[in-house]
C-alpha atoms as a PDB file:
ATOM      1  CA  MET A   1     -81.951  17.597 193.093  1.00  0.00           C
ATOM      2  CA  THR A   2     -78.325  17.864 193.653  1.00  0.00           C
ATOM      3  CA  ARG A   3     -77.647  14.088 193.924  1.00  0.00           C
ATOM      4  CA  PHE A   4     -78.545  13.615 190.452  1.00  0.00           C
ATOM      5  CA  TYR A   5     -76.170  16.595 189.507  1.00  0.00           C
ATOM      6  CA  VAL A   6     -79.330  18.169 187.138  1.00  0.00           C
ATOM      7  CA  ARG A   7     -79.114  21.944 186.298  1.00  0.00           C
ATOM      8  CA  GLY A   8     -82.059  23.970 184.903  1.00  0.00           C
ATOM      9  CA  GLY A   9     -83.557  25.896 187.163  1.00  0.00           C
ATOM     10  CA  ALA A  10     -86.801  26.828 189.800  1.00  0.00           C
ATOM     11  CA  LYS A  11     -88.727  24.902 187.266  1.00  0.00           C
ATOM     12  CA  TRP A  12     -86.893  21.960 187.134  1.00  0.00           C
ATOM     13  CA  ARG A  13     -86.628  21.602 191.401  1.00  0.00           C
ATOM     14  CA  LYS A  14     -90.206  22.092 191.108  1.00  0.00           C
ATOM     15  CA  VAL A  15     -90.831  19.056 188.778  1.00  0.00           C
ATOM     16  CA  TYR A  16     -88.454  16.967 190.717  1.00  0.00           C
ATOM     17  CA  THR A  17     -89.543  17.715 193.974  1.00  0.00           C
ATOM     18  CA  LYS A  18     -93.272  17.378 192.864  1.00  0.00           C
ATOM     19  CA  ILE A  19     -92.738  14.241 192.047  1.00  0.00           C
ATOM     20  CA  GLU A  20     -90.671  12.750 194.918  1.00  0.00           C
ATOM     21  CA  ARG A  21     -93.421  13.911 197.321  1.00  0.00           C
ATOM     22  CA  ALA A  22     -95.914  12.254 195.233  1.00  0.00           C
ATOM     23  CA  LYS A  23     -94.372   8.992 195.247  1.00  0.00           C
ATOM     24  CA  ALA A  24     -93.421   9.060 198.990  1.00  0.00           C
ATOM     25  CA  ALA A  25     -97.972   9.955 199.448  1.00  0.00           C
ATOM     26  CA  LYS A  26    -100.010   7.510 201.171  1.00  0.00           C
ATOM     27  CA  TYR A  27    -102.912   7.052 199.419  1.00  0.00           C
ATOM     28  CA  VAL A  28    -106.205   5.597 199.989  1.00  0.00           C
ATOM     29  CA  CYS A  29    -106.561   1.048 199.116  1.00  0.00           C
ATOM     30  CA  PRO A  30    -109.762   1.212 196.944  1.00  0.00           C
ATOM     31  CA  ALA A  31    -110.264  -2.398 199.004  1.00  0.00           C
ATOM     32  CA  CYS A  32    -110.127  -1.282 202.465  1.00  0.00           C
ATOM     33  CA  SER A  33    -110.087   2.613 202.476  1.00  0.00           C
ATOM     34  CA  LYS A  34    -107.554   2.739 204.519  1.00  0.00           C
ATOM     35  CA  GLN A  35    -104.624   5.322 204.058  1.00  0.00           C
ATOM     36  CA  SER A  36    -101.771   2.091 203.311  1.00  0.00           C
ATOM     37  CA  VAL A  37    -101.265   2.577 199.761  1.00  0.00           C
ATOM     38  CA  VAL A  38     -97.489   3.130 198.980  1.00  0.00           C
ATOM     39  CA  ARG A  39     -95.571   3.151 196.087  1.00  0.00           C
ATOM     40  CA  HIS A  40     -93.597  -0.385 195.695  1.00  0.00           C
ATOM     41  CA  GLY A  41     -91.940   0.030 192.387  1.00  0.00           C
ATOM     42  CA  ILE A  42     -92.707   1.548 189.198  1.00  0.00           C
ATOM     43  CA  GLY A  43     -96.442   1.545 188.841  1.00  0.00           C
ATOM     44  CA  MET A  44     -96.989  -1.078 191.276  1.00  0.00           C
ATOM     45  CA  TRP A  45     -98.400   0.309 194.311  1.00  0.00           C
ATOM     46  CA  GLN A  46     -98.772  -2.202 197.382  1.00  0.00           C
ATOM     47  CA  CYS A  47    -101.445  -1.696 200.353  1.00  0.00           C
ATOM     48  CA  LYS A  48     -99.889  -2.408 203.836  1.00  0.00           C
ATOM     49  CA  SER A  49    -102.859  -2.962 205.475  1.00  0.00           C
ATOM     50  CA  CYS A  50    -104.546  -5.457 203.350  1.00  0.00           C
ATOM     51  CA  GLY A  51    -101.632  -6.180 201.270  1.00  0.00           C
ATOM     52  CA  ALA A  52    -103.498  -5.768 198.058  1.00  0.00           C
ATOM     53  CA  GLU A  53    -101.526  -4.773 194.824  1.00  0.00           C
ATOM     54  CA  PHE A  54    -102.643  -2.268 192.193  1.00  0.00           C
ATOM     55  CA  ALA A  55    -101.005  -0.869 189.131  1.00  0.00           C
ATOM     56  CA  GLY A  56    -101.425   2.567 188.687  1.00  0.00           C
ATOM     57  CA  GLY A  57     -98.925   5.758 187.634  1.00  0.00           C
ATOM     58  CA  ALA A  58     -95.210   5.580 188.123  1.00  0.00           C
ATOM     59  CA  TYR A  59     -95.540   8.477 190.546  1.00  0.00           C
ATOM     60  CA  GLU A  60     -98.477   8.398 190.944  1.00  0.00           C
ATOM     61  CA  PHE A  61    -100.993   6.006 192.073  1.00  0.00           C
ATOM     62  CA  SER A  62    -104.033   7.335 189.884  1.00  0.00           C
ATOM     63  CA  THR A  63    -103.193   9.384 186.142  1.00  0.00           C
ATOM     64  CA  PRO A  64    -105.477  11.205 185.042  1.00  0.00           C
ATOM     65  CA  ALA A  65    -106.278   8.977 182.088  1.00  0.00           C
ATOM     66  CA  GLY A  66    -106.793   6.070 184.243  1.00  0.00           C
ATOM     67  CA  LYS A  67    -109.367   7.803 186.518  1.00  0.00           C
ATOM     68  CA  LEU A  68    -111.363   8.766 182.655  1.00  0.00           C
ATOM     69  CA  ALA A  69    -111.131   4.606 182.095  1.00  0.00           C
ATOM     70  CA  GLN A  70    -112.635   4.168 184.845  1.00  0.00           C
ATOM     71  CA  ARG A  71    -114.858   6.422 184.829  1.00  0.00           C
ATOM     72  CA  LEU A  72    -116.097   5.544 181.648  1.00  0.00           C
ATOM     73  CA  ILE A  73    -115.941   1.806 182.939  1.00  0.00           C
ATOM     74  CA  TYR A  74    -118.537   2.827 185.520  1.00  0.00           C
ATOM     75  CA  ASP A  75    -120.913   4.843 182.727  1.00  0.00           C
ATOM     76  CA  LEU A  76    -120.747   1.811 180.513  1.00  0.00           C
ATOM     77  CA  SER A  77    -122.050  -0.768 182.709  1.00  0.00           C
ATOM     78  CA  LYS A  78    -123.957   0.941 184.993  1.00  0.00           C
ATOM     79  CA  LYS A  79    -126.562   2.698 181.828  1.00  0.00           C
ATOM     80  CA  GLY A  80    -125.289   0.567 179.049  1.00  0.00           C
ATOM     81  CA  GLY A  81    -124.707   2.844 176.428  1.00  0.00           C
ATOM     82  CA  VAL A  82    -123.153   6.577 176.074  1.00  0.00           C
ATOM     83  CA  THR A  83    -124.878   9.717 175.033  1.00  0.00           C
ATOM     84  CA  GLN A  84    -124.210  11.770 172.968  1.00  0.00           C
ATOM     85  CA  ALA A  85    -123.187  15.137 175.101  1.00  0.00           C
ATOM     86  CA  GLU A  86    -121.087  12.629 177.159  1.00  0.00           C
ATOM     87  CA  MET A  87    -119.295  11.681 174.181  1.00  0.00           C
ATOM     88  CA  GLU A  88    -118.571  15.526 173.196  1.00  0.00           C
ATOM     89  CA  GLU A  89    -116.942  15.612 177.286  1.00  0.00           C
ATOM     90  CA  ILE A  90    -115.059  12.759 176.221  1.00  0.00           C
ATOM     91  CA  GLU A  91    -113.463  14.250 173.665  1.00  0.00           C
ATOM     92  CA  LYS A  92    -112.310  17.754 175.665  1.00  0.00           C
ATOM     93  CA  VAL A  93    -111.080  15.457 177.415  1.00  0.00           C
ATOM     94  CA  PHE A  94    -108.365  14.208 174.970  1.00  0.00           C
ATOM     95  CA  GLU A  95    -107.882  16.985 173.303  1.00  0.00           C
ATOM     96  CA  GLU A  96    -106.542  18.947 176.483  1.00  0.00           C
ATOM     97  CA  VAL A  97    -104.430  16.094 177.417  1.00  0.00           C
ATOM     98  CA  GLU A  98    -100.416  16.787 175.696  1.00  0.00           C
ATOM     99  CA  GLU A  99     -99.729  14.528 173.613  1.00  0.00           C
ATOM    100  CA  VAL A 100     -95.889  14.052 173.269  1.00  0.00           C
ATOM    101  CA  PRO A 101     -94.256  14.500 169.301  1.00  0.00           C
ATOM    102  CA  SER A 102     -92.635  11.469 167.537  1.00  0.00           C
ATOM    103  CA  GLN A 103     -88.935  12.105 166.604  1.00  0.00           C
ATOM    104  CA  SER A 104     -90.290  11.471 163.144  1.00  0.00           C
ATOM    105  CA  GLN A 105     -92.784  14.469 163.325  1.00  0.00           C
ATOM    106  CA  SER A 106     -90.356  17.008 165.161  1.00  0.00           C
ATOM    107  CA  GLN A 107     -87.479  16.695 162.887  1.00  0.00           C
ATOM    108  CA  GLU A 108     -90.752  17.069 160.535  1.00  0.00           C
ATOM    109  CA  VAL A 109     -90.635  20.512 162.293  1.00  0.00           C
ATOM    110  CA  ASN A 110     -87.002  20.846 161.608  1.00  0.00           C
ATOM    111  CA  GLU A 111     -87.281  20.956 158.620  1.00  0.00           C
ATOM    112  CA  GLU A 112     -90.033  23.252 157.571  1.00  0.00           C
ATOM    113  CA  LYS A 113     -88.057  25.460 159.608  1.00  0.00           C
ATOM    114  CA  VAL A 114     -85.067  25.266 157.808  1.00  0.00           C
END
């Protein structure tokens, strides 16, 4: 982390370390089932064994949103629809995901405080 001259304490060092480990890790290939998928670029992953290329997260092979979308597609194709209970579960997951406020929203909040 010192190579970027980033300061700010233990929290940011831990976040940086977590990201670096996720980027360098090898993941299981969905095509050949070997643990040989490595990061090829930002959001681009490639299996060294079979040569298959995948799109994924910037630092991890699959993101929580990607896993949710994959599960939804599988359920819809398998059953032909989603039940009310499953829809409520999906809504809970989306509520848990943090939203990053846009600049206009953050400016509105700052103006209200003043």
